[in-house]
Amino acid sequence: MAIVGLEDWEALIEWLETFEDVKIAQQAFDELKAVGGDRKKAGWLKWDDVKEISSYTNLWFKP
């Protein structure tokens, strides 16, 4: 069993969150590319429709 210090644990969690964010962004851009760059066809929402809640959810990618 390994013991990980608090700073190392927090760094690991931050890295995992960043990795997950990158995967989500790559998937969204792959979907956008697949529909010729048409954000509406890719399921993207307009910024004005989600800017009030964007800090709480990932709705700016897909509902």
PDB file of N, CA and C in Angstrom:
ATOM      1  N   MET A   1       0.841  -1.166   0.000  1.00  0.00           N
ATOM      2  CA  MET A   1       0.000   0.000   0.000  1.00  0.00           C
ATOM      3  C   MET A   1       0.897   1.242   0.000  1.00  0.00           C
ATOM      4  N   ALA A   2       0.553   2.201  -0.840  1.00  0.00           N
ATOM      5  CA  ALA A   2       1.325   3.443  -0.920  1.00  0.00           C
ATOM      6  C   ALA A   2       0.556   4.572  -0.246  1.00  0.00           C
ATOM      7  N   ILE A   3       1.307   5.420   0.390  1.00  0.00           N
ATOM      8  CA  ILE A   3       0.697   6.591   1.016  1.00  0.00           C
ATOM      9  C   ILE A   3       1.078   7.805   0.193  1.00  0.00           C
ATOM     10  N   VAL A   4       0.076   8.587  -0.174  1.00  0.00           N
ATOM     11  CA  VAL A   4       0.292   9.768  -1.003  1.00  0.00           C
ATOM     12  C   VAL A   4       0.014  11.005  -0.162  1.00  0.00           C
ATOM     13  N   GLY A   5       0.930  11.956  -0.228  1.00  0.00           N
ATOM     14  CA  GLY A   5       0.746  13.198   0.504  1.00  0.00           C
ATOM     15  C   GLY A   5      -0.412  14.013  -0.065  1.00  0.00           C
ATOM     16  N   LEU A   6      -0.923  14.933   0.735  1.00  0.00           N
ATOM     17  CA  LEU A   6      -2.064  15.743   0.340  1.00  0.00           C
ATOM     18  C   LEU A   6      -1.768  16.553  -0.922  1.00  0.00           C
ATOM     19  N   GLU A   7      -0.597  17.161  -1.007  1.00  0.00           N
ATOM     20  CA  GLU A   7      -0.259  17.964  -2.191  1.00  0.00           C
ATOM     21  C   GLU A   7      -0.191  17.092  -3.436  1.00  0.00           C
ATOM     22  N   ASP A   8       0.388  15.908  -3.316  1.00  0.00           N
ATOM     23  CA  ASP A   8       0.462  14.995  -4.459  1.00  0.00           C
ATOM     24  C   ASP A   8      -0.934  14.524  -4.858  1.00  0.00           C
ATOM     25  N   TRP A   9      -1.770  14.251  -3.885  1.00  0.00           N
ATOM     26  CA  TRP A   9      -3.144  13.815  -4.150  1.00  0.00           C
ATOM     27  C   TRP A   9      -3.906  14.917  -4.893  1.00  0.00           C
ATOM     28  N   GLU A  10      -3.797  16.149  -4.421  1.00  0.00           N
ATOM     29  CA  GLU A  10      -4.472  17.271  -5.071  1.00  0.00           C
ATOM     30  C   GLU A  10      -3.949  17.482  -6.488  1.00  0.00           C
ATOM     31  N   ALA A  11      -2.646  17.327  -6.684  1.00  0.00           N
ATOM     32  CA  ALA A  11      -2.069  17.463  -8.026  1.00  0.00           C
ATOM     33  C   ALA A  11      -2.593  16.365  -8.950  1.00  0.00           C
ATOM     34  N   LEU A  12      -2.730  15.164  -8.433  1.00  0.00           N
ATOM     35  CA  LEU A  12      -3.263  14.057  -9.221  1.00  0.00           C
ATOM     36  C   LEU A  12      -4.712  14.318  -9.618  1.00  0.00           C
ATOM     37  N   ILE A  13      -5.512  14.770  -8.683  1.00  0.00           N
ATOM     38  CA  ILE A  13      -6.915  15.083  -8.969  1.00  0.00           C
ATOM     39  C   ILE A  13      -7.004  16.190 -10.019  1.00  0.00           C
ATOM     40  N   GLU A  14      -6.202  17.222  -9.880  1.00  0.00           N
ATOM     41  CA  GLU A  14      -6.190  18.319 -10.853  1.00  0.00           C
ATOM     42  C   GLU A  14      -5.799  17.806 -12.242  1.00  0.00           C
ATOM     43  N   TRP A  15      -4.811  16.936 -12.307  1.00  0.00           N
ATOM     44  CA  TRP A  15      -4.381  16.370 -13.586  1.00  0.00           C
ATOM     45  C   TRP A  15      -5.508  15.549 -14.215  1.00  0.00           C
ATOM     46  N   LEU A  16      -6.175  14.739 -13.405  1.00  0.00           N
ATOM     47  CA  LEU A  16      -7.285  13.929 -13.924  1.00  0.00           C
ATOM     48  C   LEU A  16      -8.430  14.795 -14.436  1.00  0.00           C
ATOM     49  N   GLU A  17      -8.737  15.869 -13.720  1.00  0.00           N
ATOM     50  CA  GLU A  17      -9.794  16.780 -14.161  1.00  0.00           C
ATOM     51  C   GLU A  17      -9.414  17.453 -15.476  1.00  0.00           C
ATOM     52  N   THR A  18      -8.160  17.864 -15.593  1.00  0.00           N
ATOM     53  CA  THR A  18      -7.684  18.482 -16.837  1.00  0.00           C
ATOM     54  C   THR A  18      -7.747  17.485 -17.977  1.00  0.00           C
ATOM     55  N   PHE A  19      -7.326  16.258 -17.733  1.00  0.00           N
ATOM     56  CA  PHE A  19      -7.372  15.217 -18.751  1.00  0.00           C
ATOM     57  C   PHE A  19      -8.805  14.989 -19.226  1.00  0.00           C
ATOM     58  N   GLU A  20      -9.741  14.943 -18.292  1.00  0.00           N
ATOM     59  CA  GLU A  20     -11.147  14.752 -18.639  1.00  0.00           C
ATOM     60  C   GLU A  20     -11.662  15.934 -19.463  1.00  0.00           C
ATOM     61  N   ASP A  21     -11.296  17.151 -19.078  1.00  0.00           N
ATOM     62  CA  ASP A  21     -11.708  18.336 -19.825  1.00  0.00           C
ATOM     63  C   ASP A  21     -11.182  18.304 -21.261  1.00  0.00           C
ATOM     64  N   VAL A  22      -9.949  17.886 -21.419  1.00  0.00           N
ATOM     65  CA  VAL A  22      -9.351  17.802 -22.756  1.00  0.00           C
ATOM     66  C   VAL A  22     -10.083  16.773 -23.597  1.00  0.00           C
ATOM     67  N   LYS A  23     -10.427  15.633 -23.005  1.00  0.00           N
ATOM     68  CA  LYS A  23     -11.175  14.608 -23.742  1.00  0.00           C
ATOM     69  C   LYS A  23     -12.534  15.129 -24.188  1.00  0.00           C
ATOM     70  N   ILE A  24     -13.215  15.851 -23.322  1.00  0.00           N
ATOM     71  CA  ILE A  24     -14.525  16.409 -23.658  1.00  0.00           C
ATOM     72  C   ILE A  24     -14.389  17.414 -24.799  1.00  0.00           C
ATOM     73  N   ALA A  25     -13.393  18.278 -24.714  1.00  0.00           N
ATOM     74  CA  ALA A  25     -13.183  19.278 -25.758  1.00  0.00           C
ATOM     75  C   ALA A  25     -12.833  18.611 -27.086  1.00  0.00           C
ATOM     76  N   GLN A  26     -11.981  17.596 -27.067  1.00  0.00           N
ATOM     77  CA  GLN A  26     -11.624  16.886 -28.296  1.00  0.00           C
ATOM     78  C   GLN A  26     -12.850  16.237 -28.925  1.00  0.00           C
ATOM     79  N   GLN A  27     -13.687  15.636 -28.120  1.00  0.00           N
ATOM     80  CA  GLN A  27     -14.901  14.997 -28.631  1.00  0.00           C
ATOM     81  C   GLN A  27     -15.828  16.039 -29.255  1.00  0.00           C
ATOM     82  N   ALA A  28     -15.982  17.172 -28.584  1.00  0.00           N
ATOM     83  CA  ALA A  28     -16.856  18.229 -29.104  1.00  0.00           C
ATOM     84  C   ALA A  28     -16.336  18.753 -30.438  1.00  0.00           C
ATOM     85  N   PHE A  29     -15.041  18.964 -30.540  1.00  0.00           N
ATOM     86  CA  PHE A  29     -14.480  19.473 -31.791  1.00  0.00           C
ATOM     87  C   PHE A  29     -14.495  18.422 -32.894  1.00  0.00           C
ATOM     88  N   ASP A  30     -14.352  17.156 -32.536  1.00  0.00           N
ATOM     89  CA  ASP A  30     -14.486  16.081 -33.532  1.00  0.00           C
ATOM     90  C   ASP A  30     -15.901  16.055 -34.093  1.00  0.00           C
ATOM     91  N   GLU A  31     -16.879  16.219 -33.218  1.00  0.00           N
ATOM     92  CA  GLU A  31     -18.273  16.245 -33.662  1.00  0.00           C
ATOM     93  C   GLU A  31     -18.534  17.475 -34.530  1.00  0.00           C
ATOM     94  N   LEU A  32     -17.959  18.594 -34.166  1.00  0.00           N
ATOM     95  CA  LEU A  32     -18.112  19.813 -34.955  1.00  0.00           C
ATOM     96  C   LEU A  32     -17.494  19.642 -36.345  1.00  0.00           C
ATOM     97  N   LYS A  33     -16.326  19.056 -36.382  1.00  0.00           N
ATOM     98  CA  LYS A  33     -15.653  18.813 -37.665  1.00  0.00           C
ATOM     99  C   LYS A  33     -16.478  17.865 -38.538  1.00  0.00           C
ATOM    100  N   ALA A  34     -17.093  16.863 -37.925  1.00  0.00           N
ATOM    101  CA  ALA A  34     -17.867  15.862 -38.661  1.00  0.00           C
ATOM    102  C   ALA A  34     -19.088  16.462 -39.360  1.00  0.00           C
ATOM    103  N   VAL A  35     -19.572  17.590 -38.856  1.00  0.00           N
ATOM    104  CA  VAL A  35     -20.733  18.237 -39.480  1.00  0.00           C
ATOM    105  C   VAL A  35     -20.326  19.508 -40.220  1.00  0.00           C
ATOM    106  N   GLY A  36     -19.069  19.559 -40.623  1.00  0.00           N
ATOM    107  CA  GLY A  36     -18.588  20.668 -41.439  1.00  0.00           C
ATOM    108  C   GLY A  36     -18.500  21.996 -40.721  1.00  0.00           C
ATOM    109  N   GLY A  37     -18.377  21.974 -39.420  1.00  0.00           N
ATOM    110  CA  GLY A  37     -18.214  23.200 -38.650  1.00  0.00           C
ATOM    111  C   GLY A  37     -19.518  23.886 -38.264  1.00  0.00           C
ATOM    112  N   ASP A  38     -20.642  23.256 -38.554  1.00  0.00           N
ATOM    113  CA  ASP A  38     -21.946  23.838 -38.224  1.00  0.00           C
ATOM    114  C   ASP A  38     -22.256  23.562 -36.755  1.00  0.00           C
ATOM    115  N   ARG A  39     -22.154  24.581 -35.931  1.00  0.00           N
ATOM    116  CA  ARG A  39     -22.341  24.411 -34.486  1.00  0.00           C
ATOM    117  C   ARG A  39     -23.738  23.932 -34.134  1.00  0.00           C
ATOM    118  N   LYS A  40     -24.728  24.410 -34.862  1.00  0.00           N
ATOM    119  CA  LYS A  40     -26.103  23.989 -34.581  1.00  0.00           C
ATOM    120  C   LYS A  40     -26.272  22.497 -34.849  1.00  0.00           C
ATOM    121  N   LYS A  41     -25.732  22.017 -35.983  1.00  0.00           N
ATOM    122  CA  LYS A  41     -25.822  20.589 -36.311  1.00  0.00           C
ATOM    123  C   LYS A  41     -25.050  19.737 -35.304  1.00  0.00           C
ATOM    124  N   ALA A  42     -23.999  20.301 -34.761  1.00  0.00           N
ATOM    125  CA  ALA A  42     -23.196  19.571 -33.772  1.00  0.00           C
ATOM    126  C   ALA A  42     -23.861  19.557 -32.400  1.00  0.00           C
ATOM    127  N   GLY A  43     -24.950  20.308 -32.248  1.00  0.00           N
ATOM    128  CA  GLY A  43     -25.666  20.320 -30.976  1.00  0.00           C
ATOM    129  C   GLY A  43     -25.162  21.364 -30.004  1.00  0.00           C
ATOM    130  N   TRP A  44     -24.328  22.283 -30.476  1.00  0.00           N
ATOM    131  CA  TRP A  44     -23.814  23.321 -29.594  1.00  0.00           C
ATOM    132  C   TRP A  44     -24.907  24.350 -29.338  1.00  0.00           C
ATOM    133  N   LEU A  45     -24.926  24.886 -28.151  1.00  0.00           N
ATOM    134  CA  LEU A  45     -25.889  25.910 -27.789  1.00  0.00           C
ATOM    135  C   LEU A  45     -25.253  27.291 -27.965  1.00  0.00           C
ATOM    136  N   LYS A  46     -26.076  28.297 -28.176  1.00  0.00           N
ATOM    137  CA  LYS A  46     -25.582  29.665 -28.293  1.00  0.00           C
ATOM    138  C   LYS A  46     -25.119  30.145 -26.922  1.00  0.00           C
ATOM    139  N   TRP A  47     -24.012  30.878 -26.924  1.00  0.00           N
ATOM    140  CA  TRP A  47     -23.444  31.371 -25.680  1.00  0.00           C
ATOM    141  C   TRP A  47     -24.454  32.206 -24.900  1.00  0.00           C
ATOM    142  N   ASP A  48     -25.194  33.071 -25.578  1.00  0.00           N
ATOM    143  CA  ASP A  48     -26.172  33.913 -24.890  1.00  0.00           C
ATOM    144  C   ASP A  48     -27.245  33.098 -24.174  1.00  0.00           C
ATOM    145  N   ASP A  49     -27.515  31.898 -24.661  1.00  0.00           N
ATOM    146  CA  ASP A  49     -28.529  31.044 -24.044  1.00  0.00           C
ATOM    147  C   ASP A  49     -28.021  30.331 -22.794  1.00  0.00           C
ATOM    148  N   VAL A  50     -26.719  30.217 -22.646  1.00  0.00           N
ATOM    149  CA  VAL A  50     -26.181  29.442 -21.525  1.00  0.00           C
ATOM    150  C   VAL A  50     -25.185  30.186 -20.645  1.00  0.00           C
ATOM    151  N   LYS A  51     -24.872  31.420 -20.971  1.00  0.00           N
ATOM    152  CA  LYS A  51     -23.819  32.114 -20.227  1.00  0.00           C
ATOM    153  C   LYS A  51     -24.126  32.279 -18.741  1.00  0.00           C
ATOM    154  N   GLU A  52     -25.392  32.351 -18.375  1.00  0.00           N
ATOM    155  CA  GLU A  52     -25.753  32.506 -16.965  1.00  0.00           C
ATOM    156  C   GLU A  52     -25.493  31.233 -16.161  1.00  0.00           C
ATOM    157  N   ILE A  53     -25.555  30.089 -16.806  1.00  0.00           N
ATOM    158  CA  ILE A  53     -25.367  28.826 -16.087  1.00  0.00           C
ATOM    159  C   ILE A  53     -24.074  28.118 -16.470  1.00  0.00           C
ATOM    160  N   SER A  54     -23.272  28.709 -17.346  1.00  0.00           N
ATOM    161  CA  SER A  54     -22.092  28.022 -17.851  1.00  0.00           C
ATOM    162  C   SER A  54     -21.073  27.689 -16.771  1.00  0.00           C
ATOM    163  N   SER A  55     -21.025  28.447 -15.715  1.00  0.00           N
ATOM    164  CA  SER A  55     -20.056  28.142 -14.670  1.00  0.00           C
ATOM    165  C   SER A  55     -20.486  26.949 -13.817  1.00  0.00           C
ATOM    166  N   TYR A  56     -21.717  26.479 -13.995  1.00  0.00           N
ATOM    167  CA  TYR A  56     -22.222  25.368 -13.195  1.00  0.00           C
ATOM    168  C   TYR A  56     -22.357  24.062 -13.972  1.00  0.00           C
ATOM    169  N   THR A  57     -22.371  24.128 -15.299  1.00  0.00           N
ATOM    170  CA  THR A  57     -22.607  22.931 -16.093  1.00  0.00           C
ATOM    171  C   THR A  57     -21.730  22.900 -17.326  1.00  0.00           C
ATOM    172  N   ASN A  58     -21.827  21.832 -18.076  1.00  0.00           N
ATOM    173  CA  ASN A  58     -21.104  21.701 -19.350  1.00  0.00           C
ATOM    174  C   ASN A  58     -22.052  21.872 -20.528  1.00  0.00           C
ATOM    175  N   LEU A  59     -23.079  22.651 -20.380  1.00  0.00           N
ATOM    176  CA  LEU A  59     -24.088  22.776 -21.425  1.00  0.00           C
ATOM    177  C   LEU A  59     -23.579  23.448 -22.687  1.00  0.00           C
ATOM    178  N   TRP A  60     -22.461  24.129 -22.624  1.00  0.00           N
ATOM    179  CA  TRP A  60     -21.988  24.801 -23.836  1.00  0.00           C
ATOM    180  C   TRP A  60     -21.491  23.793 -24.865  1.00  0.00           C
ATOM    181  N   PHE A  61     -21.318  22.542 -24.496  1.00  0.00           N
ATOM    182  CA  PHE A  61     -20.959  21.530 -25.474  1.00  0.00           C
ATOM    183  C   PHE A  61     -22.193  20.835 -26.051  1.00  0.00           C
ATOM    184  N   LYS A  62     -22.957  20.198 -25.211  1.00  0.00           N
ATOM    185  CA  LYS A  62     -24.139  19.472 -25.660  1.00  0.00           C
ATOM    186  C   LYS A  62     -25.128  19.335 -24.528  1.00  0.00           C
ATOM    187  N   PRO A  63     -26.393  19.436 -24.840  1.00  0.00           N
ATOM    188  CA  PRO A  63     -27.396  19.239 -23.782  1.00  0.00           C
ATOM    189  C   PRO A  63     -27.523  17.778 -23.411  1.00  0.00           C
TER     190      PRO A  63
END
